Structure formats: C-alpha cells, structure tokens
Protein backbone atom coordinates (compact mmCIF):
# COMPACT_ATOMS: atom_id res chain seq x y z
CA UNK A 1 14.94 12.92 -3.81
CA UNK A 2 12.06 13.20 -0.97
CA UNK A 3 10.15 10.61 0.99
CA UNK A 4 6.38 10.35 1.24
CA UNK A 5 4.96 8.88 4.52
CA UNK A 6 1.66 6.90 4.14
CA UNK A 7 -0.52 5.71 6.97
CA UNK A 8 -2.55 2.89 5.84
CA UNK A 9 -5.71 2.02 7.78
CA UNK A 10 -8.53 -0.40 7.70
CA UNK A 11 -12.06 0.27 8.99
CA UNK A 12 -12.67 -1.49 12.10
CA UNK A 13 -8.97 -2.15 12.84
CA UNK A 14 -6.81 -0.43 15.39
CA UNK A 15 -3.59 -1.26 13.73
CA UNK A 16 -2.03 1.51 11.61
CA UNK A 17 0.80 0.56 9.13
CA UNK A 18 3.21 3.30 8.11
CA UNK A 19 4.93 3.06 4.72
CA UNK A 20 7.76 5.46 3.56
CA UNK A 21 8.94 5.56 -0.13
CA UNK A 22 11.08 7.87 -2.05
CA UNK A 23 9.74 10.10 -4.85
CA UNK A 24 11.64 12.41 -7.37
CA UNK A 25 9.24 15.23 -6.45
CA UNK A 26 6.01 15.60 -4.40
CA UNK A 27 2.87 14.67 -6.70
CA UNK A 28 0.76 17.83 -7.58
CA UNK A 29 -2.65 15.99 -7.55
CA UNK A 30 -4.15 13.01 -5.95
CA UNK A 31 -4.11 10.96 -9.20
CA UNK A 32 -0.31 11.70 -9.19
CA UNK A 33 0.02 10.46 -5.56
CA UNK A 34 -1.90 7.23 -6.31
CA UNK A 35 0.20 6.72 -9.43
CA UNK A 36 3.52 7.18 -7.64
CA UNK A 37 2.37 4.97 -4.64
CA UNK A 38 1.36 2.25 -7.25
CA UNK A 39 4.61 2.42 -9.13
CA UNK A 40 6.67 2.04 -5.98
CA UNK A 41 4.67 -0.96 -4.76
CA UNK A 42 4.86 -2.69 -8.25
CA UNK A 43 8.70 -2.21 -8.19
CA UNK A 44 8.71 -3.75 -4.77
CA UNK A 45 6.50 -6.65 -5.64
CA UNK A 46 8.34 -7.36 -8.98
CA UNK A 47 11.68 -7.36 -6.93
CA UNK A 48 10.47 -9.87 -4.54
CA UNK A 49 9.59 -12.13 -7.44
CA UNK A 50 13.19 -12.09 -8.74
CA UNK A 51 15.06 -12.35 -5.41
CA UNK A 52 16.71 -15.65 -4.74
CA UNK A 53 16.61 -16.82 -0.99
CA UNK A 54 19.80 -18.33 0.06
CA UNK A 55 18.67 -19.53 3.51
CA UNK A 56 15.31 -21.23 3.01
CA UNK A 57 15.22 -22.41 6.77
CA UNK A 58 13.95 -20.35 9.74
CA UNK A 59 15.86 -19.76 12.76
CA UNK A 60 14.08 -20.23 16.11
CA UNK A 61 13.94 -16.57 16.61
CA UNK A 62 12.04 -16.23 13.22
CA UNK A 63 9.65 -18.92 14.17
CA UNK A 64 8.86 -17.29 17.53
CA UNK A 65 8.34 -13.90 15.58
CA UNK A 66 6.01 -15.37 12.92
CA UNK A 67 4.00 -17.34 15.40
CA UNK A 68 2.97 -14.08 16.86
CA UNK A 69 1.72 -13.00 13.38
CA UNK A 70 -0.30 -16.23 13.24
CA UNK A 71 1.43 -17.86 10.25
CA UNK A 72 4.72 -19.58 10.06
CA UNK A 73 6.08 -19.98 6.50
CA UNK A 74 9.28 -20.06 4.64
CA UNK A 75 8.42 -17.15 2.47
CA UNK A 76 8.32 -19.01 -0.80
CA UNK A 77 6.87 -17.24 -3.72
CA UNK A 78 5.03 -19.52 -6.29
CA UNK A 79 3.71 -16.82 -8.49
CA UNK A 80 6.80 -15.30 -10.28
CA UNK A 81 4.76 -13.32 -12.78
CA UNK A 82 5.67 -9.66 -12.57
CA UNK A 83 2.85 -7.04 -12.17
CA UNK A 84 1.92 -4.75 -15.05
CA UNK A 85 2.29 -1.02 -13.79
CA UNK A 86 -0.33 0.35 -16.18
CA UNK A 87 -2.80 -2.16 -15.29
CA UNK A 88 -2.08 -1.59 -11.54
CA UNK A 89 -2.44 2.13 -11.91
CA UNK A 90 -5.74 1.70 -13.72
CA UNK A 91 -7.08 -0.64 -11.06
CA UNK A 92 -5.99 1.70 -8.22
CA UNK A 93 -7.80 4.62 -9.93
CA UNK A 94 -11.02 2.68 -10.54
CA UNK A 95 -10.88 1.43 -6.97
CA UNK A 96 -10.70 5.13 -5.67
CA UNK A 97 -13.58 6.10 -8.07
CA UNK A 98 -15.62 3.13 -6.80
CA UNK A 99 -15.06 4.30 -3.09
CA UNK A 100 -12.97 1.32 -2.03
CA UNK A 101 -10.50 3.54 -0.30
CA UNK A 102 -10.39 7.14 1.08
CA UNK A 103 -7.46 9.59 1.00
CA UNK A 104 -6.68 12.20 3.64
CA UNK A 105 -3.91 14.68 3.48
CA UNK A 106 -3.38 16.42 6.81
CA UNK A 107 -6.84 15.34 8.13
CA UNK A 108 -8.61 16.66 5.01
CA UNK A 109 -10.36 14.32 2.73
CA UNK A 110 -9.30 14.47 -0.91
CA UNK A 111 -12.31 13.78 -3.01
CA UNK A 112 -11.39 14.44 -6.66
CA UNK A 113 -8.38 12.65 -8.52
CA UNK A 114 -7.31 16.05 -10.01
CA UNK A 115 -7.65 17.97 -6.85
CA UNK A 116 -4.32 19.85 -6.29
CA UNK A 117 -2.12 18.68 -3.20
CA UNK A 118 0.13 20.83 -0.98
CA UNK A 119 2.49 18.33 0.38
CA UNK A 120 5.56 18.89 2.33
CA UNK A 121 8.04 16.71 4.27
CA UNK A 122 5.77 16.61 7.24
CA UNK A 123 2.43 16.00 5.63
CA UNK A 124 0.31 13.18 7.06
CA UNK A 125 -1.04 11.10 4.11
CA UNK A 126 -3.74 8.49 5.16
CA UNK A 127 -5.30 5.77 2.99
CA UNK A 128 -8.38 4.35 4.54
CA UNK A 129 -9.42 0.99 3.03
CA UNK A 130 -13.26 0.65 3.11
CA UNK A 131 -14.82 -2.55 4.31
CA UNK A 132 -18.28 -3.39 3.08
CA UNK A 133 -20.60 -5.68 4.96
CA UNK A 134 -22.07 -8.51 3.01
CA UNK A 135 -24.71 -11.11 3.90
CA UNK A 136 -28.32 -11.31 4.65
CA UNK A 137 -30.67 -10.39 7.48
CA UNK A 138 -31.81 -14.08 7.92
C-alpha cells in the first residue's frame, strides 16, 4: 500500500491543506487519480455519518481551538445519508472538464483526463480550486 500526498489550494487564499491517503497502487492516468481521491473521500464522509460520538460536550481547550477557526460547534451531523461513490466520481470528472479545478503533478499541469501520470512516493500533486467572480459592474 502506498500513500498519495495532495496539496489543496484555493485561488486568492494563502492557506494550503495537505491530505494524505493510501492507495493500492499509483494511478496511471488523471482520471484514475481523481477516481481514487473521490473514493477515499466518500469512504471518509460515509464513515463520519455512522460514527457515534460518546462525548458531545467540548472541553475548554477544544473551545479555545475552535474559536480560532471562527466556529464553535459540537460536530453534530444532521444529514446521515451516505454519499453515492459513482455519482461523486461523475460529478468530480464533470467539474474537472468544466474547469472548476486544475491538477498539477510536480509543477506540470495535467490537462487531459486520460493523460498518463508518472507518480512516485515523493511526487507533489496539487489540486487548485478555481474561484470565479460573479456580479455586475454597477
């Protein structure tokens, strides 16, 4: 089992989030990479829906930590409907084709979903979420 390390960025934001997740083997194409990322996130999302919190109260240290994030909550999940993996993969591929996010591997943009990838354990994979401006001039 290998790990893939992703850097997640948003345009206009300085913060970079790094996510590591295990894969059976490195994907050979961009569509395979997106598919494995989506499968991993859907599993995580669905597992959160079934976990039972034993301690619904926050300790003072947790309150302090969450206040720095700007939101203090108990972490309650009200929507317990699990995500559909096939629909999520389809949505992610459509989002890539529509230009809602860009993918770079070792500082080289990957443009086509069927473009071959040469990944290794020290490859840097970056997903950049595009932010579009909306509004009017007046």
